[in-house]
Amino acid sequence: MRVIIILAFCCFLFQVQSCVDTSKGVVFLNKVDKDTTIQVSTNADTPVGLILRVKGVIDDSIMVNNVLIPGGDIDMRIERDWYSPNFEIRFQSYKAKKGKLEIHYAL
């Protein structure tokens, strides 16, 4: 009887874990003076677009996924066609030396 209960509980945990949505998340960048590439893997089934929302304060221009963003207070949305559950966020410091950013993503 114990074995059946343990197996049922393990199956339940597996089902709960597989239902966790990893198609949304956030990346924090506290050092913006170096270029950074972040690999993101999700469990999205059939994505058709990638949405990045860049928020924060930066002292000069930066680039996120080849989009030039001027310095200052930032709250910008970047939308791209994207058809894979895995992607990368490419941050280039360009001219920036100081600041902090949050990059929210959703597929």
N, C-alpha and C. Protein backbone atom coordinates (compact mmCIF):
# COMPACT_ATOMS: atom_id res chain seq x y z
N MET A 1 0.82 -1.20 0.00
CA MET A 1 0.00 0.00 0.00
C MET A 1 0.86 1.26 0.00
N ARG A 2 1.94 1.22 0.78
CA ARG A 2 2.85 2.38 0.84
C ARG A 2 3.46 2.68 -0.52
N VAL A 3 3.82 1.63 -1.23
CA VAL A 3 4.45 1.80 -2.54
C VAL A 3 3.50 2.51 -3.49
N ILE A 4 2.24 2.15 -3.46
CA ILE A 4 1.25 2.78 -4.34
C ILE A 4 1.10 4.25 -3.98
N ILE A 5 1.05 4.57 -2.70
CA ILE A 5 0.93 5.97 -2.28
C ILE A 5 2.15 6.77 -2.69
N ILE A 6 3.33 6.20 -2.52
CA ILE A 6 4.57 6.89 -2.91
C ILE A 6 4.61 7.11 -4.41
N LEU A 7 4.23 6.10 -5.18
CA LEU A 7 4.22 6.25 -6.64
C LEU A 7 3.20 7.30 -7.08
N ALA A 8 2.04 7.31 -6.46
CA ALA A 8 1.02 8.31 -6.80
C ALA A 8 1.52 9.72 -6.47
N PHE A 9 2.17 9.86 -5.33
CA PHE A 9 2.72 11.17 -4.95
C PHE A 9 3.81 11.62 -5.91
N CYS A 10 4.69 10.71 -6.33
CA CYS A 10 5.75 11.05 -7.29
C CYS A 10 5.15 11.46 -8.63
N CYS A 11 4.12 10.77 -9.08
CA CYS A 11 3.45 11.15 -10.33
C CYS A 11 2.82 12.53 -10.22
N PHE A 12 2.22 12.81 -9.07
CA PHE A 12 1.63 14.13 -8.84
C PHE A 12 2.70 15.22 -8.90
N LEU A 13 3.83 15.00 -8.24
CA LEU A 13 4.92 15.99 -8.28
C LEU A 13 5.43 16.20 -9.70
N PHE A 14 5.56 15.12 -10.45
CA PHE A 14 6.01 15.25 -11.84
C PHE A 14 5.03 16.08 -12.66
N GLN A 15 3.73 15.87 -12.47
CA GLN A 15 2.72 16.63 -13.20
C GLN A 15 2.77 18.11 -12.83
N VAL A 16 2.93 18.40 -11.55
CA VAL A 16 2.99 19.80 -11.11
C VAL A 16 4.23 20.48 -11.68
N GLN A 17 5.34 19.78 -11.66
CA GLN A 17 6.58 20.36 -12.18
C GLN A 17 6.48 20.63 -13.68
N SER A 18 5.85 19.74 -14.42
CA SER A 18 5.75 19.93 -15.87
C SER A 18 4.77 21.03 -16.24
N CYS A 19 3.93 21.46 -15.30
CA CYS A 19 2.97 22.53 -15.56
C CYS A 19 3.54 23.92 -15.28
N VAL A 20 4.73 24.00 -14.74
CA VAL A 20 5.32 25.29 -14.44
C VAL A 20 5.65 26.00 -15.74
N ASP A 21 5.19 27.23 -15.88
CA ASP A 21 5.37 28.01 -17.09
C ASP A 21 6.70 28.76 -17.03
N THR A 22 7.64 28.38 -17.90
CA THR A 22 8.93 29.08 -17.95
C THR A 22 9.02 29.99 -19.17
N SER A 23 7.89 30.29 -19.80
CA SER A 23 7.92 31.13 -20.99
C SER A 23 7.98 32.62 -20.64
N LYS A 24 7.97 32.94 -19.34
CA LYS A 24 8.10 34.32 -18.88
C LYS A 24 9.15 34.38 -17.80
N GLY A 25 9.83 35.49 -17.71
CA GLY A 25 10.84 35.63 -16.67
C GLY A 25 11.48 37.00 -16.71
N VAL A 26 12.47 37.17 -15.86
CA VAL A 26 13.18 38.44 -15.78
C VAL A 26 14.67 38.17 -15.54
N VAL A 27 15.48 39.03 -16.13
CA VAL A 27 16.93 38.98 -15.96
C VAL A 27 17.36 40.33 -15.40
N PHE A 28 18.21 40.31 -14.38
CA PHE A 28 18.70 41.54 -13.77
C PHE A 28 20.16 41.75 -14.15
N LEU A 29 20.49 42.95 -14.59
CA LEU A 29 21.87 43.31 -14.92
C LEU A 29 22.30 44.45 -13.99
N ASN A 30 23.24 44.17 -13.11
CA ASN A 30 23.73 45.18 -12.19
C ASN A 30 25.03 45.81 -12.67
N LYS A 31 25.77 45.09 -13.52
CA LYS A 31 27.00 45.63 -14.11
C LYS A 31 26.76 45.81 -15.60
N VAL A 32 26.74 47.04 -16.04
CA VAL A 32 26.41 47.30 -17.45
C VAL A 32 27.62 47.75 -18.25
N ASP A 33 28.81 47.64 -17.68
CA ASP A 33 30.00 48.08 -18.39
C ASP A 33 30.62 46.98 -19.25
N LYS A 34 30.03 45.77 -19.24
CA LYS A 34 30.53 44.65 -20.04
C LYS A 34 29.40 44.06 -20.88
N ASP A 35 29.75 43.62 -22.08
CA ASP A 35 28.79 42.94 -22.94
C ASP A 35 28.43 41.58 -22.31
N THR A 36 27.17 41.20 -22.43
CA THR A 36 26.70 39.97 -21.80
C THR A 36 25.71 39.28 -22.73
N THR A 37 25.82 37.97 -22.84
CA THR A 37 24.84 37.17 -23.57
C THR A 37 24.24 36.16 -22.60
N ILE A 38 22.92 36.15 -22.52
CA ILE A 38 22.21 35.27 -21.61
C ILE A 38 21.40 34.28 -22.42
N GLN A 39 21.65 32.98 -22.21
CA GLN A 39 20.90 31.93 -22.89
C GLN A 39 19.65 31.61 -22.06
N VAL A 40 18.48 31.64 -22.70
CA VAL A 40 17.23 31.36 -22.01
C VAL A 40 16.57 30.14 -22.66
N SER A 41 16.23 29.15 -21.83
CA SER A 41 15.51 27.97 -22.29
C SER A 41 14.14 27.96 -21.61
N THR A 42 13.10 27.75 -22.40
CA THR A 42 11.74 27.75 -21.85
C THR A 42 11.03 26.47 -22.24
N ASN A 43 9.81 26.30 -21.74
CA ASN A 43 8.99 25.15 -22.11
C ASN A 43 7.83 25.57 -23.01
N ALA A 44 7.96 26.71 -23.69
CA ALA A 44 6.89 27.19 -24.58
C ALA A 44 6.71 26.20 -25.73
N ASP A 45 5.45 25.85 -26.01
CA ASP A 45 5.16 24.86 -27.05
C ASP A 45 5.37 25.40 -28.46
N THR A 46 4.61 26.41 -28.83
CA THR A 46 4.68 26.96 -30.19
C THR A 46 4.74 28.48 -30.13
N PRO A 47 5.88 29.04 -29.73
CA PRO A 47 5.97 30.50 -29.66
C PRO A 47 5.93 31.12 -31.06
N VAL A 48 5.37 32.31 -31.15
CA VAL A 48 5.35 33.05 -32.42
C VAL A 48 5.95 34.43 -32.28
N GLY A 49 6.32 34.80 -31.06
CA GLY A 49 6.90 36.11 -30.86
C GLY A 49 7.64 36.19 -29.54
N LEU A 50 8.61 37.09 -29.51
CA LEU A 50 9.40 37.34 -28.31
C LEU A 50 9.17 38.79 -27.91
N ILE A 51 8.82 39.00 -26.66
CA ILE A 51 8.64 40.35 -26.13
C ILE A 51 9.67 40.57 -25.04
N LEU A 52 10.48 41.61 -25.20
CA LEU A 52 11.44 42.02 -24.18
C LEU A 52 11.01 43.38 -23.67
N ARG A 53 10.97 43.54 -22.36
CA ARG A 53 10.69 44.85 -21.76
C ARG A 53 11.90 45.23 -20.94
N VAL A 54 12.57 46.29 -21.37
CA VAL A 54 13.80 46.75 -20.73
C VAL A 54 13.45 47.92 -19.82
N LYS A 55 13.78 47.78 -18.53
CA LYS A 55 13.48 48.82 -17.55
C LYS A 55 14.73 49.09 -16.72
N GLY A 56 14.91 50.36 -16.34
CA GLY A 56 16.03 50.70 -15.47
C GLY A 56 16.55 52.10 -15.73
N VAL A 57 17.73 52.35 -15.20
CA VAL A 57 18.41 53.64 -15.36
C VAL A 57 19.83 53.36 -15.81
N ILE A 58 20.27 54.08 -16.83
CA ILE A 58 21.59 53.86 -17.41
C ILE A 58 22.21 55.22 -17.76
N ASP A 59 23.52 55.34 -17.70
CA ASP A 59 24.15 56.64 -17.92
C ASP A 59 24.36 57.00 -19.38
N ASP A 60 24.33 56.02 -20.29
CA ASP A 60 24.53 56.32 -21.71
C ASP A 60 23.88 55.21 -22.54
N SER A 61 24.06 55.27 -23.85
CA SER A 61 23.39 54.34 -24.77
C SER A 61 23.83 52.90 -24.58
N ILE A 62 22.88 51.98 -24.80
CA ILE A 62 23.13 50.54 -24.78
C ILE A 62 22.45 49.91 -25.98
N MET A 63 22.74 48.63 -26.20
CA MET A 63 22.03 47.86 -27.22
C MET A 63 21.54 46.56 -26.59
N VAL A 64 20.28 46.23 -26.85
CA VAL A 64 19.71 44.96 -26.43
C VAL A 64 19.16 44.28 -27.67
N ASN A 65 19.71 43.10 -27.98
CA ASN A 65 19.34 42.36 -29.20
C ASN A 65 19.36 43.26 -30.43
N ASN A 66 20.42 44.01 -30.58
CA ASN A 66 20.69 44.91 -31.72
C ASN A 66 19.74 46.09 -31.82
N VAL A 67 19.06 46.44 -30.74
CA VAL A 67 18.21 47.63 -30.70
C VAL A 67 18.92 48.68 -29.84
N LEU A 68 19.19 49.83 -30.43
CA LEU A 68 19.86 50.91 -29.73
C LEU A 68 18.88 51.60 -28.79
N ILE A 69 19.29 51.74 -27.52
CA ILE A 69 18.45 52.36 -26.50
C ILE A 69 19.23 53.51 -25.88
N PRO A 70 18.70 54.73 -25.94
CA PRO A 70 19.41 55.88 -25.37
C PRO A 70 19.45 55.80 -23.85
N GLY A 71 20.45 56.46 -23.26
CA GLY A 71 20.62 56.45 -21.82
C GLY A 71 19.52 57.23 -21.10
N GLY A 72 19.52 57.13 -19.76
CA GLY A 72 18.53 57.80 -18.93
C GLY A 72 17.59 56.78 -18.30
N ASP A 73 16.40 57.22 -17.94
CA ASP A 73 15.36 56.31 -17.43
C ASP A 73 14.80 55.52 -18.60
N ILE A 74 14.82 54.20 -18.48
CA ILE A 74 14.41 53.33 -19.59
C ILE A 74 13.18 52.53 -19.19
N ASP A 75 12.21 52.51 -20.07
CA ASP A 75 11.05 51.62 -19.98
C ASP A 75 10.62 51.38 -21.42
N MET A 76 11.21 50.38 -22.05
CA MET A 76 11.04 50.17 -23.49
C MET A 76 10.62 48.73 -23.76
N ARG A 77 9.75 48.57 -24.73
CA ARG A 77 9.26 47.26 -25.14
C ARG A 77 9.83 46.93 -26.53
N ILE A 78 10.40 45.74 -26.67
CA ILE A 78 10.95 45.27 -27.94
C ILE A 78 10.19 44.01 -28.32
N GLU A 79 9.61 43.99 -29.51
CA GLU A 79 8.87 42.82 -29.98
C GLU A 79 9.50 42.29 -31.26
N ARG A 80 9.66 40.98 -31.33
CA ARG A 80 10.25 40.32 -32.49
C ARG A 80 9.50 39.03 -32.78
N ASP A 81 9.45 38.65 -34.05
CA ASP A 81 8.97 37.32 -34.40
C ASP A 81 10.00 36.32 -33.87
N TRP A 82 9.52 35.24 -33.27
CA TRP A 82 10.43 34.22 -32.74
C TRP A 82 9.68 32.90 -32.66
N TYR A 83 10.28 31.84 -33.16
CA TYR A 83 9.57 30.57 -33.31
C TYR A 83 10.26 29.40 -32.61
N SER A 84 11.10 29.68 -31.65
CA SER A 84 11.80 28.64 -30.92
C SER A 84 11.60 28.86 -29.42
N PRO A 85 11.56 27.79 -28.63
CA PRO A 85 11.40 27.96 -27.18
C PRO A 85 12.68 28.47 -26.50
N ASN A 86 13.79 28.45 -27.20
CA ASN A 86 15.06 28.90 -26.64
C ASN A 86 15.54 30.14 -27.40
N PHE A 87 16.14 31.06 -26.67
CA PHE A 87 16.64 32.28 -27.30
C PHE A 87 17.75 32.86 -26.44
N GLU A 88 18.38 33.90 -26.94
CA GLU A 88 19.39 34.59 -26.16
C GLU A 88 19.08 36.07 -26.08
N ILE A 89 19.43 36.66 -24.96
CA ILE A 89 19.34 38.10 -24.77
C ILE A 89 20.76 38.62 -24.87
N ARG A 90 21.01 39.44 -25.88
CA ARG A 90 22.35 40.01 -26.10
C ARG A 90 22.37 41.45 -25.63
N PHE A 91 23.11 41.70 -24.57
CA PHE A 91 23.27 43.04 -24.04
C PHE A 91 24.65 43.54 -24.44
N GLN A 92 24.69 44.74 -25.04
CA GLN A 92 25.96 45.38 -25.39
C GLN A 92 26.02 46.71 -24.65
N SER A 93 27.11 46.92 -23.91
CA SER A 93 27.23 48.13 -23.10
C SER A 93 27.36 49.39 -23.96
N TYR A 94 27.79 49.24 -25.20
CA TYR A 94 27.92 50.34 -26.15
C TYR A 94 28.70 51.49 -25.51
N LYS A 95 28.05 52.51 -24.98
CA LYS A 95 28.74 53.63 -24.33
C LYS A 95 28.49 53.68 -22.82
N ALA A 96 27.64 52.82 -22.31
CA ALA A 96 27.25 52.88 -20.90
C ALA A 96 28.34 52.35 -19.98
N LYS A 97 28.45 52.97 -18.81
CA LYS A 97 29.41 52.54 -17.80
C LYS A 97 28.73 52.26 -16.46
N LYS A 98 27.61 52.94 -16.18
CA LYS A 98 26.93 52.78 -14.90
C LYS A 98 25.43 52.61 -15.12
N GLY A 99 24.81 51.86 -14.22
CA GLY A 99 23.37 51.70 -14.26
C GLY A 99 22.93 50.31 -13.85
N LYS A 100 21.63 50.12 -13.80
CA LYS A 100 21.02 48.83 -13.49
C LYS A 100 19.82 48.63 -14.41
N LEU A 101 19.64 47.39 -14.85
CA LEU A 101 18.55 47.07 -15.76
C LEU A 101 17.81 45.82 -15.33
N GLU A 102 16.54 45.78 -15.69
CA GLU A 102 15.71 44.58 -15.64
C GLU A 102 15.27 44.31 -17.07
N ILE A 103 15.43 43.08 -17.52
CA ILE A 103 14.94 42.71 -18.84
C ILE A 103 13.90 41.60 -18.63
N HIS A 104 12.64 41.94 -18.81
CA HIS A 104 11.54 40.98 -18.69
C HIS A 104 11.33 40.35 -20.06
N TYR A 105 11.12 39.03 -20.09
CA TYR A 105 10.86 38.37 -21.38
C TYR A 105 9.59 37.55 -21.31
N ALA A 106 8.97 37.42 -22.46
CA ALA A 106 7.77 36.58 -22.60
C ALA A 106 7.72 36.04 -24.02
N LEU A 107 7.37 34.78 -24.15
CA LEU A 107 7.19 34.16 -25.47
C LEU A 107 5.72 33.96 -25.73
